[in-house]
Amino acid sequence: MTVDLEAAPLVALAVAVFATSTSAILVRWSAAPSSVAAFYRVLFTTVLVTPIAVTRHRAAFARLSRRDLAGAVVAGVALAVHFAAWFESLDHTSVAASVTLVQSQPIFVALGAGLLLGERIGRATVAGIAVAIGGAAAMSLGSTGPAALSDGTLYGNALAVLGAVTVAGYVLAGRSIRQRVPLFPYVTVVYGACVIVLFLLVGAQGHPYVGYPAREWLLFLGLAVGPGVLGHTVSNWVLEHLESVVVSVAWLGEPVGATLLAFVLLAEVPDAITVVGGVVVIAGVAVTTLERERSDEPRDR
């Protein structure tokens, strides 16, 4: 029983990474504007988690300090910018490049964790991050090639990097606040703030809020249940039990998962460089996770 309890966060993290890997494909399948898809993804996710938060954690909302409330709102704004930038990037660059670049966020998480949270980053963890990012870069080169350096692609790549920076802020805020605030009250506030920002963005861009075909609504719901609930919400639970850098580097498995799903669902056959890059990414994730186990430092629960 003890082993199962200790392994639970790692199993949950694996489920979250797989669920998140479906996001790029669902976004690509959608014909709706990227900001609309992002808005409904977060809105439907909020609708799914709010009843649990209200019925089971009502007292936790009353105990929520102004500092934690403000931090959760900031995390929600960062998450909104992440979704808006990343979803838009998929309209301008390849899935492989977009997913790979957005998962460069461990660089920014590692810097923030050291500077803001006082987390110690060992040499093996740094090496794991470097290996994983190197593999992710190889996947991008294998899928896009030199022709990717067009103006539109550079814009899409820049948006993906912006998504990486903002999701790093979201991860760091969650690591700090989740030590004091239960999962569902936290994500309810975060997603609520995120929904408001994306709602305003859709209106500012002049896109309609309704009138989309049934297929689009199913894709919006799929984004909420898969990447939303099983991906980001489960990841927030994992942040209570694992270091933020470990969670961030594990998310580098998303390019691997997205590539496999694209092969199965879209008949996109990855080349040799992409396959080798995926193996390197997994190796980097493994190195970072094993380093956490070896350090065996006490963590706040």
C-alpha atoms as a PDB file:
ATOM      1  CA  MET A   1       0.000   0.000   0.000  1.00  0.00           C
ATOM      2  CA  THR A   2       2.855   2.358   0.840  1.00  0.00           C
ATOM      3  CA  VAL A   3       4.458   1.770  -2.550  1.00  0.00           C
ATOM      4  CA  ASP A   4       1.180   2.458  -4.332  1.00  0.00           C
ATOM      5  CA  LEU A   5       0.683   5.725  -2.458  1.00  0.00           C
ATOM      6  CA  GLU A   6       4.219   6.846  -3.259  1.00  0.00           C
ATOM      7  CA  ALA A   7       3.793   5.951  -6.933  1.00  0.00           C
ATOM      8  CA  ALA A   8       0.396   7.642  -7.288  1.00  0.00           C
ATOM      9  CA  PRO A   9       1.756  11.127  -8.171  1.00  0.00           C
ATOM     10  CA  LEU A  10       4.014   9.674 -10.860  1.00  0.00           C
ATOM     11  CA  VAL A  11       1.146   7.621 -12.351  1.00  0.00           C
ATOM     12  CA  ALA A  12      -1.121  10.680 -12.266  1.00  0.00           C
ATOM     13  CA  LEU A  13       1.601  12.732 -13.948  1.00  0.00           C
ATOM     14  CA  ALA A  14       1.851  10.152 -16.747  1.00  0.00           C
ATOM     15  CA  VAL A  15      -1.940  10.311 -17.273  1.00  0.00           C
ATOM     16  CA  ALA A  16      -1.805  14.117 -17.324  1.00  0.00           C
ATOM     17  CA  VAL A  17       0.989  14.160 -19.916  1.00  0.00           C
ATOM     18  CA  PHE A  18      -0.915  11.770 -22.190  1.00  0.00           C
ATOM     19  CA  ALA A  19      -4.137  13.778 -21.848  1.00  0.00           C
ATOM     20  CA  THR A  20      -2.283  16.996 -22.626  1.00  0.00           C
ATOM     21  CA  SER A  21      -0.751  15.344 -25.696  1.00  0.00           C
ATOM     22  CA  THR A  22      -4.189  15.264 -27.319  1.00  0.00           C
ATOM     23  CA  SER A  23      -4.573  19.032 -27.167  1.00  0.00           C
ATOM     24  CA  ALA A  24      -2.694  20.017 -30.341  1.00  0.00           C
ATOM     25  CA  ILE A  25      -4.553  17.470 -32.451  1.00  0.00           C
ATOM     26  CA  LEU A  26      -7.948  18.586 -31.139  1.00  0.00           C
ATOM     27  CA  VAL A  27      -7.040  22.220 -31.824  1.00  0.00           C
ATOM     28  CA  ARG A  28      -5.924  21.336 -35.349  1.00  0.00           C
ATOM     29  CA  TRP A  29      -9.196  19.480 -35.965  1.00  0.00           C
ATOM     30  CA  SER A  30     -11.185  22.554 -34.930  1.00  0.00           C
ATOM     31  CA  ALA A  31     -12.105  25.127 -37.577  1.00  0.00           C
ATOM     32  CA  ALA A  32     -13.075  27.736 -34.957  1.00  0.00           C
ATOM     33  CA  PRO A  33     -10.838  30.744 -34.228  1.00  0.00           C
ATOM     34  CA  SER A  34      -8.038  29.786 -31.849  1.00  0.00           C
ATOM     35  CA  SER A  35      -9.170  32.168 -29.107  1.00  0.00           C
ATOM     36  CA  VAL A  36     -12.702  30.733 -29.259  1.00  0.00           C
ATOM     37  CA  ALA A  37     -11.389  27.180 -28.902  1.00  0.00           C
ATOM     38  CA  ALA A  38      -9.231  28.261 -25.970  1.00  0.00           C
ATOM     39  CA  PHE A  39     -12.149  30.072 -24.320  1.00  0.00           C
ATOM     40  CA  TYR A  40     -14.531  27.134 -24.492  1.00  0.00           C
ATOM     41  CA  ARG A  41     -11.868  24.679 -23.422  1.00  0.00           C
ATOM     42  CA  VAL A  42     -11.352  26.574 -20.175  1.00  0.00           C
ATOM     43  CA  LEU A  43     -15.044  27.453 -19.747  1.00  0.00           C
ATOM     44  CA  PHE A  44     -16.167  23.831 -20.011  1.00  0.00           C
ATOM     45  CA  THR A  45     -13.333  22.744 -17.714  1.00  0.00           C
ATOM     46  CA  THR A  46     -14.496  25.301 -15.152  1.00  0.00           C
ATOM     47  CA  VAL A  47     -18.083  24.045 -15.407  1.00  0.00           C
ATOM     48  CA  LEU A  48     -16.853  20.508 -14.727  1.00  0.00           C
ATOM     49  CA  VAL A  49     -14.736  21.286 -11.651  1.00  0.00           C
ATOM     50  CA  THR A  50     -16.763  24.053  -9.975  1.00  0.00           C
ATOM     51  CA  PRO A  51     -19.552  21.817  -8.554  1.00  0.00           C
ATOM     52  CA  ILE A  52     -16.950  19.672  -6.768  1.00  0.00           C
ATOM     53  CA  ALA A  53     -15.210  22.756  -5.422  1.00  0.00           C
ATOM     54  CA  VAL A  54     -18.438  24.327  -4.139  1.00  0.00           C
ATOM     55  CA  THR A  55     -19.975  21.207  -2.585  1.00  0.00           C
ATOM     56  CA  ARG A  56     -16.864  19.703  -0.994  1.00  0.00           C
ATOM     57  CA  HIS A  57     -14.601  22.657  -0.307  1.00  0.00           C
ATOM     58  CA  ARG A  58     -16.912  25.537   0.562  1.00  0.00           C
ATOM     59  CA  ALA A  59     -15.042  26.253   3.787  1.00  0.00           C
ATOM     60  CA  ALA A  60     -11.743  26.425   1.922  1.00  0.00           C
ATOM     61  CA  PHE A  61     -13.026  29.351  -0.135  1.00  0.00           C
ATOM     62  CA  ALA A  62     -13.812  31.244   3.067  1.00  0.00           C
ATOM     63  CA  ARG A  63     -10.287  30.624   4.366  1.00  0.00           C
ATOM     64  CA  LEU A  64      -8.647  31.740   1.126  1.00  0.00           C
ATOM     65  CA  SER A  65      -6.334  34.645   1.947  1.00  0.00           C
ATOM     66  CA  ARG A  66      -6.164  37.747  -0.203  1.00  0.00           C
ATOM     67  CA  ARG A  67      -2.582  36.896  -1.079  1.00  0.00           C
ATOM     68  CA  ASP A  68      -3.461  33.405  -2.290  1.00  0.00           C
ATOM     69  CA  LEU A  69      -6.534  34.691  -4.104  1.00  0.00           C
ATOM     70  CA  ALA A  70      -4.445  37.307  -5.905  1.00  0.00           C
ATOM     71  CA  GLY A  71      -1.801  34.697  -6.734  1.00  0.00           C
ATOM     72  CA  ALA A  72      -4.408  32.335  -8.171  1.00  0.00           C
ATOM     73  CA  VAL A  73      -5.832  35.157 -10.288  1.00  0.00           C
ATOM     74  CA  VAL A  74      -2.347  35.971 -11.593  1.00  0.00           C
ATOM     75  CA  ALA A  75      -1.872  32.295 -12.411  1.00  0.00           C
ATOM     76  CA  GLY A  76      -5.193  32.351 -14.276  1.00  0.00           C
ATOM     77  CA  VAL A  77      -4.159  35.377 -16.322  1.00  0.00           C
ATOM     78  CA  ALA A  78      -0.854  33.675 -17.167  1.00  0.00           C
ATOM     79  CA  LEU A  79      -2.737  30.543 -18.195  1.00  0.00           C
ATOM     80  CA  ALA A  80      -5.031  32.589 -20.440  1.00  0.00           C
ATOM     81  CA  VAL A  81      -2.064  34.182 -22.213  1.00  0.00           C
ATOM     82  CA  HIS A  82      -0.514  30.721 -22.565  1.00  0.00           C
ATOM     83  CA  PHE A  83      -3.625  29.274 -24.208  1.00  0.00           C
ATOM     84  CA  ALA A  84      -4.191  32.278 -26.455  1.00  0.00           C
ATOM     85  CA  ALA A  85      -0.576  32.341 -27.649  1.00  0.00           C
ATOM     86  CA  TRP A  86      -0.161  28.597 -28.065  1.00  0.00           C
ATOM     87  CA  PHE A  87      -3.485  27.926 -29.805  1.00  0.00           C
ATOM     88  CA  GLU A  88      -2.720  30.779 -32.215  1.00  0.00           C
ATOM     89  CA  SER A  89       0.776  29.429 -32.837  1.00  0.00           C
ATOM     90  CA  LEU A  90      -0.767  26.235 -34.217  1.00  0.00           C
ATOM     91  CA  ASP A  91      -2.219  28.320 -37.061  1.00  0.00           C
ATOM     92  CA  HIS A  92       1.235  29.527 -38.108  1.00  0.00           C
ATOM     93  CA  THR A  93       3.687  26.697 -37.493  1.00  0.00           C
ATOM     94  CA  SER A  94       3.742  22.909 -37.385  1.00  0.00           C
ATOM     95  CA  VAL A  95       2.310  20.869 -34.531  1.00  0.00           C
ATOM     96  CA  ALA A  96       5.751  19.436 -33.787  1.00  0.00           C
ATOM     97  CA  ALA A  97       7.435  22.858 -33.669  1.00  0.00           C
ATOM     98  CA  SER A  98       4.645  24.467 -31.653  1.00  0.00           C
ATOM     99  CA  VAL A  99       4.387  21.697 -29.072  1.00  0.00           C
ATOM    100  CA  THR A 100       8.164  21.448 -28.797  1.00  0.00           C
ATOM    101  CA  LEU A 101       8.736  25.167 -28.290  1.00  0.00           C
ATOM    102  CA  VAL A 102       5.923  25.557 -25.778  1.00  0.00           C
ATOM    103  CA  GLN A 103       7.542  22.768 -23.791  1.00  0.00           C
ATOM    104  CA  SER A 104      10.771  24.744 -23.449  1.00  0.00           C
ATOM    105  CA  GLN A 105       9.107  26.049 -20.283  1.00  0.00           C
ATOM    106  CA  PRO A 106      11.347  23.967 -17.928  1.00  0.00           C
ATOM    107  CA  ILE A 107      14.105  26.506 -18.628  1.00  0.00           C
ATOM    108  CA  PHE A 108      11.935  29.294 -17.250  1.00  0.00           C
ATOM    109  CA  VAL A 109      10.535  27.120 -14.454  1.00  0.00           C
ATOM    110  CA  ALA A 110      14.030  26.157 -13.311  1.00  0.00           C
ATOM    111  CA  LEU A 111      15.111  29.800 -13.235  1.00  0.00           C
ATOM    112  CA  GLY A 112      11.961  30.872 -11.415  1.00  0.00           C
ATOM    113  CA  ALA A 113      12.068  27.973  -8.965  1.00  0.00           C
ATOM    114  CA  GLY A 114      15.616  28.840  -7.996  1.00  0.00           C
ATOM    115  CA  LEU A 115      15.070  32.593  -7.753  1.00  0.00           C
ATOM    116  CA  LEU A 116      11.526  32.750  -6.343  1.00  0.00           C
ATOM    117  CA  LEU A 117      10.822  29.458  -4.547  1.00  0.00           C
ATOM    118  CA  GLY A 118      14.291  28.596  -3.290  1.00  0.00           C
ATOM    119  CA  GLU A 119      14.211  25.120  -4.839  1.00  0.00           C
ATOM    120  CA  ARG A 120      17.622  23.515  -5.224  1.00  0.00           C
ATOM    121  CA  ILE A 121      18.318  22.328  -8.747  1.00  0.00           C
ATOM    122  CA  GLY A 122      20.980  19.612  -8.832  1.00  0.00           C
ATOM    123  CA  ARG A 123      23.395  18.922 -11.656  1.00  0.00           C
ATOM    124  CA  ALA A 124      21.557  15.783 -12.711  1.00  0.00           C
ATOM    125  CA  THR A 125      18.306  17.751 -12.969  1.00  0.00           C
ATOM    126  CA  VAL A 126      20.013  20.396 -15.098  1.00  0.00           C
ATOM    127  CA  ALA A 127      21.437  17.638 -17.284  1.00  0.00           C
ATOM    128  CA  GLY A 128      18.000  16.028 -17.608  1.00  0.00           C
ATOM    129  CA  ILE A 129      16.475  19.342 -18.656  1.00  0.00           C
ATOM    130  CA  ALA A 130      19.223  19.891 -21.224  1.00  0.00           C
ATOM    131  CA  VAL A 131      18.861  16.381 -22.647  1.00  0.00           C
ATOM    132  CA  ALA A 132      15.069  16.618 -22.862  1.00  0.00           C
ATOM    133  CA  ILE A 133      15.113  20.030 -24.538  1.00  0.00           C
ATOM    134  CA  GLY A 134      17.782  18.817 -26.955  1.00  0.00           C
ATOM    135  CA  GLY A 135      15.579  15.886 -27.913  1.00  0.00           C
ATOM    136  CA  ALA A 136      12.575  18.172 -28.324  1.00  0.00           C
ATOM    137  CA  ALA A 137      14.636  20.427 -30.606  1.00  0.00           C
ATOM    138  CA  ALA A 138      15.633  17.402 -32.693  1.00  0.00           C
ATOM    139  CA  MET A 139      11.969  16.486 -33.060  1.00  0.00           C
ATOM    140  CA  SER A 140      11.219  19.984 -34.301  1.00  0.00           C
ATOM    141  CA  LEU A 141      14.038  19.957 -36.848  1.00  0.00           C
ATOM    142  CA  GLY A 142      13.025  16.520 -38.059  1.00  0.00           C
ATOM    143  CA  SER A 143       9.445  17.631 -38.639  1.00  0.00           C
ATOM    144  CA  THR A 144       9.903  21.126 -40.035  1.00  0.00           C
ATOM    145  CA  GLY A 145      13.317  21.379 -41.673  1.00  0.00           C
ATOM    146  CA  PRO A 146      15.151  24.582 -42.706  1.00  0.00           C
ATOM    147  CA  ALA A 147      12.147  25.822 -44.673  1.00  0.00           C
ATOM    148  CA  ALA A 148      10.485  26.626 -41.361  1.00  0.00           C
ATOM    149  CA  LEU A 149      12.314  29.945 -41.205  1.00  0.00           C
ATOM    150  CA  SER A 150       9.577  31.853 -42.987  1.00  0.00           C
ATOM    151  CA  ASP A 151       7.994  34.978 -41.547  1.00  0.00           C
ATOM    152  CA  GLY A 152       4.745  33.225 -40.646  1.00  0.00           C
ATOM    153  CA  THR A 153       6.502  30.311 -39.027  1.00  0.00           C
ATOM    154  CA  LEU A 154       8.771  32.563 -37.012  1.00  0.00           C
ATOM    155  CA  TYR A 155       5.683  34.356 -35.723  1.00  0.00           C
ATOM    156  CA  GLY A 156       4.116  31.047 -34.754  1.00  0.00           C
ATOM    157  CA  ASN A 157       7.314  29.916 -33.078  1.00  0.00           C
ATOM    158  CA  ALA A 158       7.520  33.187 -31.140  1.00  0.00           C
ATOM    159  CA  LEU A 159       3.951  32.691 -29.935  1.00  0.00           C
ATOM    160  CA  ALA A 160       4.838  29.186 -28.765  1.00  0.00           C
ATOM    161  CA  VAL A 161       7.791  30.555 -26.784  1.00  0.00           C
ATOM    162  CA  LEU A 162       5.491  33.160 -25.217  1.00  0.00           C
ATOM    163  CA  GLY A 163       3.218  30.268 -24.285  1.00  0.00           C
ATOM    164  CA  ALA A 164       6.201  28.567 -22.644  1.00  0.00           C
ATOM    165  CA  VAL A 165       7.098  31.618 -20.550  1.00  0.00           C
ATOM    166  CA  THR A 166       3.540  32.178 -19.335  1.00  0.00           C
ATOM    167  CA  VAL A 167       2.864  28.521 -18.532  1.00  0.00           C
ATOM    168  CA  ALA A 168       6.079  28.532 -16.488  1.00  0.00           C
ATOM    169  CA  GLY A 169       4.589  31.342 -14.391  1.00  0.00           C
ATOM    170  CA  TYR A 170       1.408  29.314 -14.042  1.00  0.00           C
ATOM    171  CA  VAL A 171       3.384  26.266 -12.834  1.00  0.00           C
ATOM    172  CA  LEU A 172       5.410  28.270 -10.313  1.00  0.00           C
ATOM    173  CA  ALA A 173       2.319  29.963  -8.893  1.00  0.00           C
ATOM    174  CA  GLY A 174       0.656  26.592  -8.503  1.00  0.00           C
ATOM    175  CA  ARG A 175       3.662  25.083  -6.749  1.00  0.00           C
ATOM    176  CA  SER A 176       3.614  27.845  -4.139  1.00  0.00           C
ATOM    177  CA  ILE A 177      -0.122  28.282  -3.546  1.00  0.00           C
ATOM    178  CA  ARG A 178      -1.034  24.595  -3.704  1.00  0.00           C
ATOM    179  CA  GLN A 179       0.940  24.017  -0.501  1.00  0.00           C
ATOM    180  CA  ARG A 180      -1.799  25.955   1.319  1.00  0.00           C
ATOM    181  CA  VAL A 181      -4.934  25.777  -0.842  1.00  0.00           C
ATOM    182  CA  PRO A 182      -6.834  22.572  -1.770  1.00  0.00           C
ATOM    183  CA  LEU A 183      -6.855  21.574  -5.420  1.00  0.00           C
ATOM    184  CA  PHE A 184     -10.425  22.329  -6.475  1.00  0.00           C
ATOM    185  CA  PRO A 185     -10.775  25.768  -4.861  1.00  0.00           C
ATOM    186  CA  TYR A 186      -7.428  26.701  -6.418  1.00  0.00           C
ATOM    187  CA  VAL A 187      -8.232  25.576  -9.959  1.00  0.00           C
ATOM    188  CA  THR A 188     -11.719  27.095  -9.761  1.00  0.00           C
ATOM    189  CA  VAL A 189     -10.231  30.532  -9.118  1.00  0.00           C
ATOM    190  CA  VAL A 190      -7.479  30.021 -11.712  1.00  0.00           C
ATOM    191  CA  TYR A 191      -9.843  28.796 -14.408  1.00  0.00           C
ATOM    192  CA  GLY A 192     -12.381  31.494 -13.558  1.00  0.00           C
ATOM    193  CA  ALA A 193      -9.805  34.239 -14.070  1.00  0.00           C
ATOM    194  CA  CYS A 194      -8.615  32.511 -17.241  1.00  0.00           C
ATOM    195  CA  VAL A 195     -12.164  32.340 -18.630  1.00  0.00           C
ATOM    196  CA  ILE A 196     -12.735  36.064 -18.059  1.00  0.00           C
ATOM    197  CA  VAL A 197      -9.518  37.020 -19.868  1.00  0.00           C
ATOM    198  CA  LEU A 198     -10.253  34.724 -22.827  1.00  0.00           C
ATOM    199  CA  PHE A 199     -13.875  35.931 -22.985  1.00  0.00           C
ATOM    200  CA  LEU A 200     -12.642  39.502 -23.312  1.00  0.00           C
ATOM    201  CA  LEU A 201     -10.086  38.460 -25.932  1.00  0.00           C
ATOM    202  CA  VAL A 202     -12.719  36.748 -28.098  1.00  0.00           C
ATOM    203  CA  GLY A 203     -14.868  39.884 -27.958  1.00  0.00           C
ATOM    204  CA  ALA A 204     -11.914  42.155 -28.690  1.00  0.00           C
ATOM    205  CA  GLN A 205     -11.087  40.103 -31.776  1.00  0.00           C
ATOM    206  CA  GLY A 206     -14.675  40.302 -32.994  1.00  0.00           C
ATOM    207  CA  HIS A 207     -15.315  36.551 -33.087  1.00  0.00           C
ATOM    208  CA  PRO A 208     -18.853  35.215 -32.460  1.00  0.00           C
ATOM    209  CA  TYR A 209     -19.414  33.348 -29.203  1.00  0.00           C
ATOM    210  CA  VAL A 210     -22.044  30.995 -30.654  1.00  0.00           C
ATOM    211  CA  GLY A 211     -23.219  29.620 -33.979  1.00  0.00           C
ATOM    212  CA  TYR A 212     -20.621  26.885 -34.386  1.00  0.00           C
ATOM    213  CA  PRO A 213     -21.542  23.414 -35.728  1.00  0.00           C
ATOM    214  CA  ALA A 214     -22.024  20.434 -33.412  1.00  0.00           C
ATOM    215  CA  ARG A 215     -18.611  19.039 -34.342  1.00  0.00           C
ATOM    216  CA  GLU A 216     -16.912  22.125 -32.910  1.00  0.00           C
ATOM    217  CA  TRP A 217     -18.799  21.865 -29.616  1.00  0.00           C
ATOM    218  CA  LEU A 218     -17.683  18.241 -29.301  1.00  0.00           C
ATOM    219  CA  LEU A 219     -14.088  19.294 -29.891  1.00  0.00           C
ATOM    220  CA  PHE A 220     -14.416  22.060 -27.282  1.00  0.00           C
ATOM    221  CA  LEU A 221     -15.773  19.509 -24.802  1.00  0.00           C
ATOM    222  CA  GLY A 222     -12.974  17.081 -25.668  1.00  0.00           C
ATOM    223  CA  LEU A 223     -10.409  19.790 -24.974  1.00  0.00           C
ATOM    224  CA  ALA A 224     -12.022  20.385 -21.591  1.00  0.00           C
ATOM    225  CA  VAL A 225     -12.286  16.754 -20.473  1.00  0.00           C
ATOM    226  CA  GLY A 226      -8.945  15.539 -21.842  1.00  0.00           C
ATOM    227  CA  PRO A 227      -6.257  18.236 -21.665  1.00  0.00           C
ATOM    228  CA  GLY A 228      -8.341  20.362 -19.251  1.00  0.00           C
ATOM    229  CA  VAL A 229      -9.490  18.030 -16.466  1.00  0.00           C
ATOM    230  CA  LEU A 230      -7.195  15.037 -16.940  1.00  0.00           C
ATOM    231  CA  GLY A 231      -4.279  17.203 -18.026  1.00  0.00           C
ATOM    232  CA  HIS A 232      -4.011  20.532 -16.225  1.00  0.00           C
ATOM    233  CA  THR A 233      -6.227  19.747 -13.227  1.00  0.00           C
ATOM    234  CA  VAL A 234      -4.436  16.485 -12.470  1.00  0.00           C
ATOM    235  CA  SER A 235      -1.115  18.290 -12.929  1.00  0.00           C
ATOM    236  CA  ASN A 236      -2.163  20.789 -10.273  1.00  0.00           C
ATOM    237  CA  TRP A 237      -2.775  17.898  -7.879  1.00  0.00           C
ATOM    238  CA  VAL A 238       0.633  16.460  -8.726  1.00  0.00           C
ATOM    239  CA  LEU A 239       2.280  19.802  -7.899  1.00  0.00           C
ATOM    240  CA  GLU A 240       1.353  19.177  -4.259  1.00  0.00           C
ATOM    241  CA  HIS A 241       3.527  16.056  -4.225  1.00  0.00           C
ATOM    242  CA  LEU A 242       6.334  16.612  -6.741  1.00  0.00           C
ATOM    243  CA  GLU A 243       8.752  19.474  -7.387  1.00  0.00           C
ATOM    244  CA  SER A 244       7.700  21.946 -10.073  1.00  0.00           C
ATOM    245  CA  VAL A 245      10.791  21.213 -12.186  1.00  0.00           C
ATOM    246  CA  VAL A 246       9.960  17.482 -12.271  1.00  0.00           C
ATOM    247  CA  VAL A 247       6.404  18.222 -13.393  1.00  0.00           C
ATOM    248  CA  SER A 248       7.606  20.688 -16.009  1.00  0.00           C
ATOM    249  CA  VAL A 249      10.179  18.350 -17.521  1.00  0.00           C
ATOM    250  CA  ALA A 250       7.646  15.508 -17.578  1.00  0.00           C
ATOM    251  CA  TRP A 251       5.461  17.753 -19.726  1.00  0.00           C
ATOM    252  CA  LEU A 252       8.214  17.480 -22.337  1.00  0.00           C
ATOM    253  CA  GLY A 253       6.693  14.086 -23.035  1.00  0.00           C
ATOM    254  CA  GLU A 254       3.859  15.954 -24.759  1.00  0.00           C
ATOM    255  CA  PRO A 255       5.714  16.255 -28.099  1.00  0.00           C
ATOM    256  CA  VAL A 256       6.265  12.493 -28.025  1.00  0.00           C
ATOM    257  CA  GLY A 257       2.617  11.785 -27.252  1.00  0.00           C
ATOM    258  CA  ALA A 258       1.401  14.269 -29.854  1.00  0.00           C
ATOM    259  CA  THR A 259       3.664  12.688 -32.485  1.00  0.00           C
ATOM    260  CA  LEU A 260       2.360   9.198 -31.725  1.00  0.00           C
ATOM    261  CA  LEU A 261      -1.246  10.379 -31.797  1.00  0.00           C
ATOM    262  CA  ALA A 262      -0.637  12.179 -35.083  1.00  0.00           C
ATOM    263  CA  PHE A 263       0.719   8.929 -36.504  1.00  0.00           C
ATOM    264  CA  VAL A 264      -2.341   6.963 -35.371  1.00  0.00           C
ATOM    265  CA  LEU A 265      -5.067   9.539 -35.983  1.00  0.00           C
ATOM    266  CA  LEU A 266      -3.697  11.668 -38.802  1.00  0.00           C
ATOM    267  CA  ALA A 267      -1.490   9.094 -40.577  1.00  0.00           C
ATOM    268  CA  GLU A 268       1.526  11.386 -40.148  1.00  0.00           C
ATOM    269  CA  VAL A 269       4.609   9.145 -40.189  1.00  0.00           C
ATOM    270  CA  PRO A 270       7.506  10.661 -38.195  1.00  0.00           C
ATOM    271  CA  ASP A 271      10.973  10.562 -39.728  1.00  0.00           C
ATOM    272  CA  ALA A 272      14.060   9.053 -38.100  1.00  0.00           C
ATOM    273  CA  ILE A 273      15.179  12.327 -36.499  1.00  0.00           C
ATOM    274  CA  THR A 274      11.776  12.786 -34.880  1.00  0.00           C
ATOM    275  CA  VAL A 275      11.827   9.243 -33.506  1.00  0.00           C
ATOM    276  CA  VAL A 276      15.345   9.635 -32.096  1.00  0.00           C
ATOM    277  CA  GLY A 277      14.399  13.017 -30.615  1.00  0.00           C
ATOM    278  CA  GLY A 278      11.404  11.447 -28.880  1.00  0.00           C
ATOM    279  CA  VAL A 279      13.622   8.798 -27.303  1.00  0.00           C
ATOM    280  CA  VAL A 280      15.997  11.510 -26.069  1.00  0.00           C
ATOM    281  CA  VAL A 281      13.083  13.462 -24.562  1.00  0.00           C
ATOM    282  CA  ILE A 282      11.954  10.388 -22.633  1.00  0.00           C
ATOM    283  CA  ALA A 283      15.533   9.871 -21.430  1.00  0.00           C
ATOM    284  CA  GLY A 284      15.696  13.437 -20.130  1.00  0.00           C
ATOM    285  CA  VAL A 285      12.392  13.012 -18.302  1.00  0.00           C
ATOM    286  CA  ALA A 286      13.652   9.778 -16.745  1.00  0.00           C
ATOM    287  CA  VAL A 287      16.908  11.378 -15.569  1.00  0.00           C
ATOM    288  CA  THR A 288      15.066  14.247 -13.884  1.00  0.00           C
ATOM    289  CA  THR A 289      12.522  11.952 -12.204  1.00  0.00           C
ATOM    290  CA  LEU A 290      15.199   9.554 -10.931  1.00  0.00           C
ATOM    291  CA  GLU A 291      17.193  12.490  -9.554  1.00  0.00           C
ATOM    292  CA  ARG A 292      14.135  13.487  -7.502  1.00  0.00           C
ATOM    293  CA  GLU A 293      13.908   9.977  -6.070  1.00  0.00           C
ATOM    294  CA  ARG A 294      17.611   9.905  -5.189  1.00  0.00           C
ATOM    295  CA  SER A 295      17.543  13.296  -3.468  1.00  0.00           C
ATOM    296  CA  ASP A 296      14.760  12.101  -1.106  1.00  0.00           C
ATOM    297  CA  GLU A 297      14.396  15.547   0.415  1.00  0.00           C
ATOM    298  CA  PRO A 298      11.373  16.237   2.632  1.00  0.00           C
ATOM    299  CA  ARG A 299       8.598  18.233   0.950  1.00  0.00           C
ATOM    300  CA  ASP A 300       5.660  20.173   2.307  1.00  0.00           C
ATOM    301  CA  ARG A 301       2.364  18.328   1.974  1.00  0.00           C
END
